[in-house]
Amino acid sequence: MAKKTKLPPEIICLSDDDDDDVDHNSKINTKITTPVKEKELLTTNNSNKYEPSNWIIQDKDIIHVSPLPSKYSDIYKKPFEIRCSSVRFGITEFNIDSEIVLMKETEFEMNLSKNFMDNLSIKLAYSDVVKFYFSFESQTPAAFIHVRNEFAVLFDKFIPTSDEHGKGFNPNSKDEKRRHIIFCLKALTPDMERIHIATIFYFLKTKSTKIDVLCISGTRADELYSLARYAKTPTIATPKKTLFTLNTNDLTAKTVGLNNNTIRFDLSSDDLHCLNEGEFLNDNIIDFYLQYIYYEKLSADDRERTHLFNSFFYTRLTQKGNRDNPDISAAERRYNRVKRWVRDVDLFTKNYIIVPVNQNTHWYIVLIQNLNNVPTEGDLISDDEEDTIDDRLKSKKRRRSSRIIRSIGSNSASSSPSPKPSIQLGDELDEADEVTSDNEVPLKQNIEALVSAKKDHSQTPAIIIFDSLRIASKNRVAATLREFLQVEYDHKKALPVGSLARKLFNMDTMPTIEAAVPQQRNYSDCGLYILQYIESYFTHLTSTFTNWCEKNLKGSTKRKEILTVINQHVINKEV
């Protein structure tokens, strides 16, 4: 009579550092610990004997992951649910109960089932994970996990997946199909996708500094999925992208001119180097191209109605300096840093104010519209029945006066010359001096509606944020700009004390709008995106927002375009 095969346990924990209490209600609860001698043997053989080059991730394959918004700061304090349709250990695929893999304090926890086995509780300790690559952009969203050999040895002991070719799951196998764990991720909405990407990335970075965690492009993830599932590259070969690189002549320092050469930029070789693919655009390139849009792309009417700040304005406004006067209010200190920059301009006659912002090496751009249409205190008190901005203002009119910034007075603006856009010694660069904003919930509006409103001469005052990485809140930026405008107004438009004709700049009279614009899919193109946003906005071509972004993902069209514009505006040296 044949010897009866012993059935595997129904619940299996493959975690060396699992401290969960024993579940006495389970039929079988096995906690695996590795004997000392076995641990020594496994440690000796831990290094992977086979590490193929086709799993190497290059810089171009990596997607930059922005920090989580502050409102999600406590997300690491409790288990996070990863939505998965299934999980594969090498050649064996398992179903996942409730389609959820839990990320806990020290481990992944998953409850699995298979035709030959049910109620498998597998716990994969972060200490056993070597690499974790993931992508939601691929045809099959997936996470690819490479583990230490110790985990695979324990897995093979309790879960029968071997066949005539060897172990079904083996990190050292030369068969690509057997080497990795794959989480088959569920597709998510764009907003949920961004939150999941940031949470998964920083959760693992926080819990284990030894894991190589990368968010990768959809193209590279498709290649890895084909390798891990079928041990071959995709049947449809992806054309190799040729990186846009400037030659020696292109990198020669040059002086360029705009507005009949009345505006000049000295561009160094380092400035021009920023146009190489994968590089961040710097302030000189950003300022040059914005001025190019202003003088050569805007209509005469739009140019008259628009004021363009350079890339140093917001930095200087919020940059603490050793020359700040400690005896005045924070609002006045901020204003004093930049008041010379607006000495000769009346911002309140402009329909548009453009403010480029760079924070934490990320560019985005702010468009302030219709300042002159901001209501006065008298408007807000007398017109209780009038819908002056949008429906949400009606319920707030009676409490607006409590948010009013007190009149500063009528101090005359300084007559000293305009400052050079440079950082002074002693300035603090690591702490932005921004306004602490209220719990504002920005409005969201698609770009087509914003451009249509512009074409229809909509009179709504607003602060519009164009950001190619819409994750971190910009409420403090909007609040800081409103405060600046209020102080500037009180200095330039002095009114008698108690006058109801004073305009009020707050979140109700000038709400924040987050423009729903195409998002960048790498870590380096934010500068290109803000330039295209503004260019498309003022040329009234809504289709270019999407069309340009899709095209630019396949090449370096905007970088080439900027270089062409620079070369067309070079000022020849006089003999």
Protein backbone atom coordinates (compact mmCIF):
# COMPACT_ATOMS: atom_id res chain seq x y z
CA MET A 1 0.00 0.00 0.00
CA ALA A 2 1.39 3.36 -1.00
CA LYS A 3 2.39 5.71 1.75
CA LYS A 4 -0.17 8.50 2.20
CA THR A 5 1.15 11.94 1.33
CA LYS A 6 0.97 14.44 4.15
CA LEU A 7 -1.16 17.45 3.25
CA PRO A 8 0.43 20.89 3.55
CA PRO A 9 -0.75 23.23 6.28
CA GLU A 10 -3.74 25.39 5.49
CA ILE A 11 -2.19 28.57 6.85
CA ILE A 12 1.46 29.28 6.18
CA CYS A 13 3.49 32.20 7.52
CA LEU A 14 6.77 32.72 5.72
CA SER A 15 8.06 35.59 7.81
CA ASP A 16 11.11 35.32 10.08
CA ASP A 17 10.03 38.31 12.16
CA ASP A 18 6.28 37.69 12.42
CA ASP A 19 5.18 38.50 15.95
CA ASP A 20 1.43 38.07 15.48
CA ASP A 21 -0.41 36.15 18.16
CA VAL A 22 -1.29 32.55 17.43
CA ASP A 23 -4.78 32.13 15.99
CA HIS A 24 -6.25 29.32 18.08
CA ASN A 25 -9.36 29.20 15.91
CA SER A 26 -7.42 28.09 12.83
CA LYS A 27 -7.29 24.40 11.99
CA ILE A 28 -3.53 24.55 11.58
CA ASN A 29 -1.28 27.50 12.34
CA THR A 30 2.35 27.01 11.40
CA LYS A 31 4.95 29.63 12.19
CA ILE A 32 8.16 28.86 10.37
CA THR A 33 11.50 29.54 11.98
CA THR A 34 14.77 28.67 10.35
CA PRO A 35 17.18 26.49 12.43
CA VAL A 36 20.55 28.07 13.14
CA LYS A 37 22.50 25.66 10.88
CA GLU A 38 20.04 26.17 8.06
CA LYS A 39 20.25 29.94 8.49
CA GLU A 40 24.03 29.78 8.17
CA LEU A 41 23.75 27.69 5.01
CA LEU A 42 21.17 29.98 3.49
CA THR A 43 23.19 33.06 4.30
CA THR A 44 26.21 31.55 2.57
CA ASN A 45 24.16 30.94 -0.57
CA ASN A 46 22.19 34.16 -0.38
CA SER A 47 23.72 35.98 -3.33
CA ASN A 48 21.83 35.38 -6.54
CA LYS A 49 23.82 33.16 -8.85
CA TYR A 50 22.03 34.51 -11.89
CA GLU A 51 21.42 38.22 -12.35
CA PRO A 52 20.57 38.93 -16.01
CA SER A 53 21.33 42.36 -17.48
CA ASN A 54 17.84 42.69 -18.97
CA TRP A 55 16.46 43.54 -15.49
CA ILE A 56 18.69 46.60 -15.10
CA ILE A 57 16.67 49.81 -14.69
CA GLN A 58 18.19 52.90 -16.30
CA ASP A 59 17.55 56.52 -15.33
CA LYS A 60 15.24 57.05 -18.30
CA ASP A 61 13.01 54.21 -17.03
CA ILE A 62 12.49 55.76 -13.58
CA ILE A 63 9.46 57.93 -12.83
CA HIS A 64 9.88 60.65 -10.23
CA VAL A 65 7.54 60.16 -7.25
CA SER A 66 6.37 63.34 -5.54
CA PRO A 67 5.84 63.47 -1.77
CA LEU A 68 2.44 62.69 -0.35
CA PRO A 69 0.22 65.67 0.52
CA SER A 70 0.39 66.64 4.18
CA LYS A 71 -3.18 65.44 4.75
CA TYR A 72 -1.92 61.87 4.17
CA SER A 73 1.03 62.22 6.57
CA ASP A 74 -0.37 59.60 8.98
CA ILE A 75 -0.96 56.98 6.31
CA TYR A 76 2.11 55.03 7.41
CA LYS A 77 0.65 54.46 10.88
CA LYS A 78 -1.80 51.79 9.75
CA PRO A 79 -1.82 48.97 7.18
CA PHE A 80 -2.22 50.11 3.58
CA GLU A 81 -4.28 48.08 1.11
CA ILE A 82 -2.81 47.34 -2.32
CA ARG A 83 -5.51 46.31 -4.75
CA CYS A 84 -4.35 43.19 -6.62
CA SER A 85 -6.20 40.79 -8.90
CA SER A 86 -3.70 37.96 -8.32
CA VAL A 87 -0.14 37.20 -7.26
CA ARG A 88 2.43 34.94 -8.90
CA PHE A 89 5.29 33.15 -7.18
CA GLY A 90 7.42 32.13 -10.15
CA ILE A 91 5.29 29.98 -12.44
CA THR A 92 2.42 29.56 -9.94
CA GLU A 93 -0.46 32.01 -9.78
CA PHE A 94 -2.69 32.42 -6.73
CA ASN A 95 -5.99 34.18 -6.22
CA ILE A 96 -6.13 36.84 -3.50
CA ASP A 97 -9.00 36.98 -1.05
CA SER A 98 -10.89 40.29 -1.44
CA GLU A 99 -8.20 41.25 -3.99
CA ILE A 100 -6.15 42.95 -1.26
CA VAL A 101 -2.50 42.66 -0.23
CA LEU A 102 -1.82 44.43 3.05
CA MET A 103 1.33 46.47 3.64
CA LYS A 104 1.87 46.24 7.40
CA GLU A 105 4.56 47.45 9.77
CA THR A 106 7.15 44.80 8.88
CA GLU A 107 5.67 42.70 6.08
CA PHE A 108 3.31 42.14 3.18
CA GLU A 109 0.37 40.00 4.22
CA MET A 110 -1.78 38.15 1.68
CA ASN A 111 -4.50 35.54 2.00
CA LEU A 112 -4.31 33.28 -1.04
CA SER A 113 -6.06 30.33 -2.61
CA LYS A 114 -5.20 27.81 -5.31
CA ASN A 115 -6.94 24.77 -6.75
CA PHE A 116 -4.78 22.44 -4.65
CA MET A 117 -4.69 24.60 -1.55
CA ASP A 118 -6.96 27.06 0.25
CA ASN A 119 -6.61 29.58 3.09
CA LEU A 120 -2.93 30.30 2.61
CA SER A 121 -1.80 33.19 4.76
CA ILE A 122 1.61 34.24 3.46
CA LYS A 123 3.59 36.96 5.15
CA LEU A 124 6.60 38.30 3.27
CA ALA A 125 8.90 40.31 5.54
CA TYR A 126 10.36 43.51 4.11
CA SER A 127 13.74 42.23 5.30
CA ASP A 128 13.43 39.45 2.70
CA VAL A 129 12.72 41.86 -0.18
CA VAL A 130 15.68 42.97 -2.31
CA LYS A 131 13.95 44.85 -5.14
CA PHE A 132 10.46 46.23 -5.63
CA TYR A 133 9.74 47.70 -9.07
CA PHE A 134 6.20 48.78 -9.88
CA SER A 135 4.14 50.64 -12.46
CA PHE A 136 0.51 51.59 -13.00
CA GLU A 137 1.18 52.83 -16.53
CA SER A 138 1.86 49.45 -18.14
CA GLN A 139 -0.71 47.44 -20.08
CA THR A 140 -0.87 45.14 -17.06
CA PRO A 141 -0.18 47.25 -13.93
CA ALA A 142 2.22 45.21 -11.84
CA ALA A 143 4.84 45.09 -9.10
CA PHE A 144 7.95 42.92 -9.59
CA ILE A 145 9.51 41.64 -6.37
CA HIS A 146 12.92 40.05 -6.06
CA VAL A 147 13.47 38.28 -2.71
CA ARG A 148 16.31 36.70 -0.81
CA ASN A 149 16.91 33.03 -1.43
CA GLU A 150 15.99 32.20 2.18
CA PHE A 151 12.37 33.08 1.54
CA ALA A 152 12.23 30.95 -1.61
CA VAL A 153 13.70 27.94 0.24
CA LEU A 154 11.01 28.16 2.94
CA PHE A 155 8.32 28.69 0.30
CA ASP A 156 9.40 25.51 -1.51
CA LYS A 157 9.25 23.50 1.71
CA PHE A 158 5.55 24.13 2.28
CA ILE A 159 4.03 24.89 -1.09
CA PRO A 160 4.43 22.23 -3.83
CA THR A 161 5.12 24.11 -7.08
CA SER A 162 8.06 22.12 -8.48
CA ASP A 163 7.87 20.34 -11.83
CA GLU A 164 10.22 18.34 -14.04
CA HIS A 165 12.28 21.48 -14.68
CA GLY A 166 12.89 22.30 -11.04
CA LYS A 167 11.45 24.61 -8.41
CA GLY A 168 8.47 26.63 -9.51
CA PHE A 169 9.78 29.66 -7.61
CA ASN A 170 13.54 30.15 -7.42
CA PRO A 171 15.33 33.54 -7.43
CA ASN A 172 18.49 31.84 -8.70
CA SER A 173 16.84 30.11 -11.65
CA LYS A 174 17.97 30.87 -15.20
CA ASP A 175 14.35 30.57 -16.25
CA GLU A 176 12.98 34.10 -16.02
CA LYS A 177 9.48 32.82 -15.36
CA ARG A 178 10.56 31.32 -12.02
CA ARG A 179 12.62 34.13 -10.53
CA HIS A 180 10.13 36.78 -9.34
CA ILE A 181 7.01 37.46 -7.34
CA ILE A 182 4.51 39.51 -9.33
CA PHE A 183 1.62 41.48 -7.86
CA CYS A 184 -0.94 41.98 -10.65
CA LEU A 185 -2.23 45.41 -9.66
CA LYS A 186 -5.77 46.62 -10.21
CA ALA A 187 -6.27 49.62 -12.50
CA LEU A 188 -7.19 52.81 -10.60
CA THR A 189 -8.55 56.25 -11.37
CA PRO A 190 -5.81 58.85 -12.07
CA ASP A 191 -6.23 60.53 -8.66
CA MET A 192 -6.18 57.23 -6.77
CA GLU A 193 -3.26 56.07 -8.88
CA ARG A 194 -1.14 59.06 -7.84
CA ILE A 195 -1.92 58.49 -4.17
CA HIS A 196 -1.14 54.75 -4.44
CA ILE A 197 2.16 55.39 -6.22
CA ALA A 198 3.35 57.84 -3.58
CA THR A 199 2.08 55.73 -0.66
CA ILE A 200 3.60 52.44 -1.86
CA PHE A 201 6.91 54.15 -2.66
CA TYR A 202 7.33 56.06 0.60
CA PHE A 203 5.77 53.32 2.75
CA LEU A 204 8.50 50.88 1.68
CA LYS A 205 11.20 53.57 1.86
CA THR A 206 10.10 54.32 5.41
CA LYS A 207 9.81 50.73 6.60
CA SER A 208 13.01 49.41 5.02
CA THR A 209 15.92 51.45 3.71
CA LYS A 210 17.52 48.36 2.16
CA ILE A 211 14.85 47.70 -0.47
CA ASP A 212 15.56 49.05 -3.95
CA VAL A 213 12.15 50.67 -4.59
CA LEU A 214 11.49 52.19 -8.02
CA CYS A 215 8.43 53.42 -9.88
CA ILE A 216 9.13 52.65 -13.53
CA SER A 217 7.70 53.67 -16.87
CA GLY A 218 4.90 51.72 -18.52
CA THR A 219 7.14 50.72 -21.44
CA ARG A 220 9.80 49.22 -19.16
CA ALA A 221 7.17 47.50 -17.00
CA ASP A 222 5.67 45.88 -20.11
CA GLU A 223 9.10 44.51 -20.97
CA LEU A 224 9.62 43.12 -17.47
CA TYR A 225 6.16 41.60 -17.40
CA SER A 226 6.82 39.81 -20.69
CA LEU A 227 10.12 38.52 -19.33
CA ALA A 228 8.65 37.38 -16.01
CA ARG A 229 5.58 35.73 -17.53
CA TYR A 230 6.89 34.36 -20.81
CA ALA A 231 10.69 34.54 -20.52
CA LYS A 232 10.92 36.66 -23.65
CA THR A 233 10.90 40.26 -24.74
CA PRO A 234 7.63 41.73 -26.08
CA THR A 235 6.67 40.45 -29.51
CA ILE A 236 6.23 44.02 -30.74
CA ALA A 237 9.64 45.58 -30.38
CA THR A 238 9.61 49.04 -28.80
CA PRO A 239 11.67 51.47 -30.87
CA LYS A 240 14.71 52.60 -28.97
CA LYS A 241 14.42 56.25 -28.09
CA THR A 242 17.28 58.48 -29.20
CA LEU A 243 18.11 60.97 -26.49
CA PHE A 244 18.18 64.61 -27.52
CA THR A 245 21.75 65.82 -26.94
CA LEU A 246 23.28 69.18 -27.80
CA ASN A 247 26.51 69.28 -29.79
CA THR A 248 29.56 71.41 -29.07
CA ASN A 249 28.38 74.33 -31.22
CA ASP A 250 24.99 74.34 -29.51
CA LEU A 251 26.67 74.58 -26.11
CA THR A 252 28.67 77.69 -27.01
CA ALA A 253 27.76 80.60 -24.74
CA LYS A 254 25.66 83.23 -26.53
CA THR A 255 23.71 86.44 -25.98
CA VAL A 256 20.11 86.48 -27.18
CA GLY A 257 17.75 89.41 -27.55
CA LEU A 258 13.99 89.99 -27.51
CA ASN A 259 11.77 93.00 -28.17
CA ASN A 260 14.20 94.52 -30.71
CA ASN A 261 17.11 93.48 -28.47
CA THR A 262 15.94 95.70 -25.60
CA ILE A 263 15.69 92.55 -23.48
CA ARG A 264 18.91 90.55 -23.42
CA PHE A 265 19.92 87.23 -21.90
CA ASP A 266 23.47 85.98 -21.56
CA LEU A 267 23.16 82.20 -21.79
CA SER A 268 26.17 80.23 -20.61
CA SER A 269 27.09 76.73 -21.72
CA ASP A 270 25.67 75.49 -18.39
CA ASP A 271 22.34 77.19 -19.18
CA LEU A 272 22.24 75.57 -22.62
CA HIS A 273 23.21 72.19 -21.18
CA CYS A 274 19.82 72.19 -19.43
CA LEU A 275 18.21 71.56 -22.82
CA ASN A 276 19.72 68.08 -23.01
CA GLU A 277 17.10 65.41 -22.45
CA GLY A 278 16.79 64.36 -18.82
CA GLU A 279 18.03 67.72 -17.48
CA PHE A 280 15.96 70.21 -15.49
CA LEU A 281 15.43 73.61 -17.13
CA ASN A 282 17.05 76.33 -15.04
CA ASP A 283 15.83 79.85 -14.27
CA ASN A 284 17.63 81.51 -17.21
CA ILE A 285 16.03 79.21 -19.78
CA ILE A 286 12.61 79.51 -18.10
CA ASP A 287 12.82 83.31 -17.98
CA PHE A 288 14.04 83.60 -21.58
CA TYR A 289 11.27 81.46 -23.01
CA LEU A 290 8.54 83.12 -20.94
CA GLN A 291 9.74 86.50 -22.20
CA TYR A 292 9.72 85.06 -25.73
CA ILE A 293 6.07 84.02 -25.24
CA TYR A 294 5.27 87.46 -23.82
CA TYR A 295 6.83 89.49 -26.64
CA GLU A 296 6.28 87.24 -29.64
CA LYS A 297 3.33 84.94 -28.86
CA LEU A 298 0.93 87.20 -26.97
CA SER A 299 -1.33 89.50 -28.93
CA ALA A 300 -0.84 93.23 -28.40
CA ASP A 301 -4.01 93.32 -26.28
CA ASP A 302 -2.93 90.36 -24.12
CA ARG A 303 0.54 91.86 -23.69
CA GLU A 304 -0.97 95.14 -22.49
CA ARG A 305 -3.19 93.29 -20.02
CA THR A 306 -0.47 90.94 -18.71
CA HIS A 307 2.37 91.34 -16.23
CA LEU A 308 5.10 88.68 -16.19
CA PHE A 309 7.22 88.20 -13.08
CA ASN A 310 10.55 86.47 -13.47
CA SER A 311 11.45 83.20 -11.80
CA PHE A 312 13.09 84.92 -8.80
CA PHE A 313 10.00 86.86 -7.70
CA TYR A 314 8.30 84.20 -5.57
CA THR A 315 11.64 82.96 -4.23
CA ARG A 316 12.53 86.47 -3.09
CA LEU A 317 9.04 87.08 -1.66
CA THR A 318 9.32 84.04 0.61
CA GLN A 319 13.05 84.00 1.29
CA LYS A 320 14.01 85.04 4.79
CA GLY A 321 16.96 87.42 4.84
CA ASN A 322 19.22 88.96 7.44
CA ARG A 323 18.03 92.41 6.33
CA ASP A 324 14.40 91.77 7.28
CA ASN A 325 13.01 94.28 9.79
CA PRO A 326 11.89 92.30 12.86
CA ASP A 327 9.76 95.21 14.14
CA ILE A 328 7.13 95.02 11.40
CA SER A 329 4.55 92.38 10.54
CA ALA A 330 5.45 89.26 8.57
CA ALA A 331 3.23 90.49 5.72
CA GLU A 332 5.17 93.77 5.54
CA ARG A 333 8.51 91.96 5.71
CA ARG A 334 7.55 89.81 2.75
CA TYR A 335 6.28 92.82 0.84
CA ASN A 336 9.43 94.87 1.48
CA ARG A 337 11.56 92.20 -0.16
CA VAL A 338 9.86 92.71 -3.54
CA LYS A 339 8.17 96.13 -3.48
CA ARG A 340 10.81 97.62 -5.79
CA TRP A 341 9.90 95.01 -8.39
CA VAL A 342 6.41 96.53 -8.74
CA ARG A 343 7.43 100.16 -8.34
CA ASP A 344 6.54 101.13 -11.92
CA VAL A 345 3.57 98.86 -12.61
CA ASP A 346 -0.06 98.99 -11.55
CA LEU A 347 -0.94 95.33 -11.12
CA PHE A 348 -4.60 96.17 -10.57
CA THR A 349 -5.03 97.30 -14.18
CA LYS A 350 -3.88 93.89 -15.44
CA ASN A 351 -6.07 90.97 -16.41
CA TYR A 352 -3.28 88.44 -15.98
CA ILE A 353 -0.24 88.14 -13.73
CA ILE A 354 2.14 85.24 -14.42
CA VAL A 355 4.27 83.91 -11.55
CA PRO A 356 6.68 81.00 -12.21
CA VAL A 357 7.49 79.09 -9.02
CA ASN A 358 10.28 76.64 -8.23
CA GLN A 359 10.01 74.64 -5.00
CA ASN A 360 12.03 71.54 -4.15
CA THR A 361 13.51 71.53 -7.71
CA HIS A 362 9.99 71.35 -9.21
CA TRP A 363 8.60 74.03 -11.55
CA TYR A 364 4.95 75.01 -11.72
CA ILE A 365 3.29 78.27 -12.75
CA VAL A 366 0.60 80.50 -11.25
CA LEU A 367 -1.75 82.67 -13.30
CA ILE A 368 -3.60 85.38 -11.36
CA GLN A 369 -6.54 86.73 -13.32
CA ASN A 370 -8.90 89.72 -13.16
CA LEU A 371 -7.51 91.54 -10.12
CA ASN A 372 -9.56 94.64 -10.81
CA ASN A 373 -12.78 92.66 -10.46
CA VAL A 374 -12.12 91.64 -6.87
CA PRO A 375 -15.09 92.99 -4.83
CA THR A 376 -14.83 95.70 -2.23
CA GLU A 377 -15.96 95.43 1.36
CA GLY A 378 -18.98 97.53 0.43
CA ASP A 379 -19.86 95.09 -2.36
CA LEU A 380 -19.78 92.18 0.05
CA ILE A 381 -21.90 93.87 2.68
CA SER A 382 -24.58 95.34 0.41
CA ASP A 383 -25.02 92.62 -2.19
CA ASP A 384 -26.11 89.70 -0.03
CA GLU A 385 -28.37 88.40 -2.79
CA GLU A 386 -25.91 88.76 -5.65
CA ASP A 387 -23.81 85.81 -6.77
CA THR A 388 -20.60 87.75 -7.46
CA ILE A 389 -18.12 84.89 -7.86
CA ASP A 390 -19.68 81.47 -7.60
CA ASP A 391 -22.40 79.72 -5.70
CA ARG A 392 -20.19 78.81 -2.77
CA LEU A 393 -19.67 82.48 -1.85
CA LYS A 394 -23.30 83.03 -0.80
CA SER A 395 -23.00 81.11 2.45
CA LYS A 396 -19.78 82.91 3.40
CA LYS A 397 -20.55 86.60 2.81
CA ARG A 398 -21.51 87.32 6.42
CA ARG A 399 -18.19 86.10 7.80
CA ARG A 400 -15.86 87.58 5.19
CA SER A 401 -15.14 90.70 7.23
CA SER A 402 -13.43 88.58 9.90
CA ARG A 403 -10.80 87.57 7.32
CA ILE A 404 -10.01 91.12 6.21
CA ILE A 405 -6.37 92.13 6.50
CA ARG A 406 -6.14 95.43 8.39
CA SER A 407 -5.14 98.45 6.34
CA ILE A 408 -1.40 98.89 6.30
CA GLY A 409 -1.36 102.61 5.61
CA SER A 410 -0.16 104.69 2.69
CA ASN A 411 3.62 104.44 2.93
CA SER A 412 5.13 105.50 -0.35
CA ALA A 413 7.01 102.94 -2.38
CA SER A 414 10.78 103.08 -2.35
CA SER A 415 12.40 104.92 -5.24
CA SER A 416 15.55 102.82 -5.19
CA PRO A 417 16.48 100.97 -8.40
CA SER A 418 15.01 97.59 -9.27
CA PRO A 419 16.86 94.70 -7.65
CA LYS A 420 19.00 92.29 -9.58
CA PRO A 421 17.58 88.74 -9.52
CA SER A 422 20.29 87.31 -7.31
CA ILE A 423 20.43 85.56 -3.94
CA GLN A 424 22.12 87.62 -1.24
CA LEU A 425 24.55 86.17 1.26
CA GLY A 426 22.87 85.29 4.53
CA ASP A 427 19.51 84.44 2.98
CA GLU A 428 17.89 81.26 4.27
CA LEU A 429 17.13 78.89 1.43
CA ASP A 430 15.83 75.95 3.40
CA GLU A 431 12.65 77.43 4.87
CA ALA A 432 10.04 79.21 2.79
CA ASP A 433 8.47 82.18 4.57
CA GLU A 434 4.94 81.49 3.36
CA VAL A 435 1.54 82.28 4.80
CA THR A 436 -0.07 79.51 6.82
CA SER A 437 -3.22 78.96 4.79
CA ASP A 438 -6.72 78.10 5.93
CA ASN A 439 -8.26 74.76 5.05
CA GLU A 440 -9.04 75.86 1.53
CA VAL A 441 -10.40 73.32 -0.94
CA PRO A 442 -9.25 74.48 -4.41
CA LEU A 443 -11.71 74.37 -7.28
CA LYS A 444 -10.82 72.02 -10.13
CA GLN A 445 -11.40 73.04 -13.72
CA ASN A 446 -10.35 71.49 -17.00
CA ILE A 447 -8.16 73.49 -19.32
CA GLU A 448 -10.76 73.68 -22.07
CA ALA A 449 -13.13 75.54 -19.73
CA LEU A 450 -10.39 77.91 -18.59
CA VAL A 451 -9.38 78.80 -22.15
CA SER A 452 -13.02 79.17 -23.19
CA ALA A 453 -13.57 81.54 -20.27
CA LYS A 454 -10.58 83.59 -21.39
CA LYS A 455 -11.90 83.78 -24.96
CA ASP A 456 -15.30 84.83 -23.64
CA HIS A 457 -13.65 87.53 -21.46
CA SER A 458 -14.85 85.97 -18.22
CA GLN A 459 -14.52 88.43 -15.36
CA THR A 460 -14.00 85.97 -12.48
CA PRO A 461 -10.97 86.77 -10.26
CA ALA A 462 -8.97 83.64 -9.44
CA ILE A 463 -5.53 82.18 -8.78
CA ILE A 464 -5.00 79.37 -11.29
CA ILE A 465 -2.33 76.75 -10.60
CA PHE A 466 -0.80 74.96 -13.60
CA ASP A 467 1.14 72.02 -12.17
CA SER A 468 2.40 68.94 -14.00
CA LEU A 469 2.62 66.98 -10.71
CA ARG A 470 -0.67 67.66 -8.92
CA ILE A 471 0.01 66.04 -5.56
CA ALA A 472 1.29 68.52 -2.98
CA SER A 473 -1.13 71.27 -1.92
CA LYS A 474 -0.45 74.79 -3.22
CA ASN A 475 -2.72 76.49 -0.66
CA ARG A 476 0.19 78.23 1.07
CA VAL A 477 1.43 79.62 -2.24
CA ALA A 478 -2.02 80.97 -3.13
CA ALA A 479 -2.44 82.47 0.37
CA THR A 480 1.00 84.10 0.19
CA LEU A 481 0.21 85.70 -3.18
CA ARG A 482 -3.17 86.97 -1.94
CA GLU A 483 -1.46 88.55 1.04
CA PHE A 484 1.11 90.22 -1.22
CA LEU A 485 -1.68 91.62 -3.42
CA GLN A 486 -3.56 92.95 -0.38
CA VAL A 487 -0.50 94.76 0.97
CA GLU A 488 0.40 96.07 -2.49
CA TYR A 489 -3.17 97.33 -2.90
CA ASP A 490 -3.14 99.06 0.47
CA HIS A 491 0.15 100.79 -0.38
CA LYS A 492 -0.82 101.84 -3.90
CA LYS A 493 -4.54 102.56 -3.40
CA ALA A 494 -4.62 104.47 -0.14
CA LEU A 495 -8.19 105.03 1.09
CA PRO A 496 -9.63 106.82 4.12
CA VAL A 497 -9.78 104.74 7.28
CA GLY A 498 -13.03 102.78 7.40
CA SER A 499 -13.71 103.17 3.67
CA LEU A 500 -15.91 100.44 2.22
CA ALA A 501 -14.28 100.93 -1.19
CA ARG A 502 -11.27 98.85 -0.21
CA LYS A 503 -10.86 95.65 -2.23
CA LEU A 504 -10.45 92.43 -0.27
CA PHE A 505 -8.14 89.67 -1.44
CA ASN A 506 -9.00 86.39 0.28
CA MET A 507 -9.92 82.83 -0.66
CA ASP A 508 -13.57 83.77 -1.14
CA THR A 509 -13.08 86.81 -3.36
CA MET A 510 -10.21 85.18 -5.27
CA PRO A 511 -10.50 81.38 -5.08
CA THR A 512 -7.76 78.96 -6.07
CA ILE A 513 -8.32 76.85 -9.18
CA GLU A 514 -6.27 73.74 -9.96
CA ALA A 515 -6.13 73.45 -13.74
CA ALA A 516 -6.66 69.86 -14.90
CA VAL A 517 -3.73 69.83 -17.32
CA PRO A 518 -1.76 66.86 -18.72
CA GLN A 519 0.75 65.46 -16.23
CA GLN A 520 4.45 64.76 -16.75
CA ARG A 521 5.49 61.11 -16.77
CA ASN A 522 9.10 61.51 -15.75
CA TYR A 523 11.11 63.47 -13.20
CA SER A 524 12.77 66.12 -15.41
CA ASP A 525 10.24 67.78 -17.74
CA CYS A 526 8.31 70.05 -15.35
CA GLY A 527 9.92 73.19 -16.82
CA LEU A 528 8.87 72.17 -20.34
CA TYR A 529 5.30 71.62 -19.22
CA ILE A 530 4.82 75.04 -17.60
CA LEU A 531 6.16 76.77 -20.71
CA GLN A 532 3.73 74.83 -22.90
CA TYR A 533 0.83 75.49 -20.51
CA ILE A 534 1.26 79.27 -20.75
CA GLU A 535 1.99 79.24 -24.46
CA SER A 536 -1.11 77.19 -25.22
CA TYR A 537 -3.29 79.20 -22.86
CA PHE A 538 -2.53 82.48 -24.59
CA THR A 539 -2.70 81.10 -28.12
CA HIS A 540 -6.23 79.76 -27.41
CA LEU A 541 -5.35 76.34 -28.77
CA THR A 542 -6.84 73.96 -26.23
CA SER A 543 -6.00 70.88 -28.28
CA THR A 544 -2.27 71.61 -28.04
CA PHE A 545 -2.27 70.79 -24.35
CA THR A 546 -3.00 67.13 -24.94
CA ASN A 547 -1.51 66.86 -28.42
CA TRP A 548 1.78 68.40 -27.40
CA CYS A 549 2.13 66.26 -24.28
CA GLU A 550 1.45 63.04 -26.19
CA LYS A 551 3.93 64.02 -28.88
CA ASN A 552 6.59 65.11 -26.41
CA LEU A 553 6.48 61.74 -24.64
CA LYS A 554 7.80 60.21 -27.87
CA GLY A 555 10.60 62.68 -28.40
CA SER A 556 12.18 65.94 -27.31
CA THR A 557 10.15 68.36 -29.40
CA LYS A 558 9.93 71.14 -26.82
CA ARG A 559 13.65 71.05 -26.02
CA LYS A 560 14.45 71.26 -29.73
CA GLU A 561 11.94 74.07 -30.15
CA ILE A 562 13.50 76.13 -27.33
CA LEU A 563 16.97 75.63 -28.82
CA THR A 564 15.70 76.74 -32.22
CA VAL A 565 14.15 79.88 -30.71
CA ILE A 566 17.42 80.66 -28.90
CA ASN A 567 19.44 80.31 -32.10
CA GLN A 568 16.98 82.53 -33.97
CA HIS A 569 17.49 85.32 -31.42
CA VAL A 570 21.27 85.28 -31.08
CA ILE A 571 22.74 88.79 -31.16
CA ASN A 572 25.72 88.79 -33.50
CA LYS A 573 28.85 90.32 -32.04
CA GLU A 574 29.64 93.71 -33.50
CA VAL A 575 32.91 93.86 -35.40
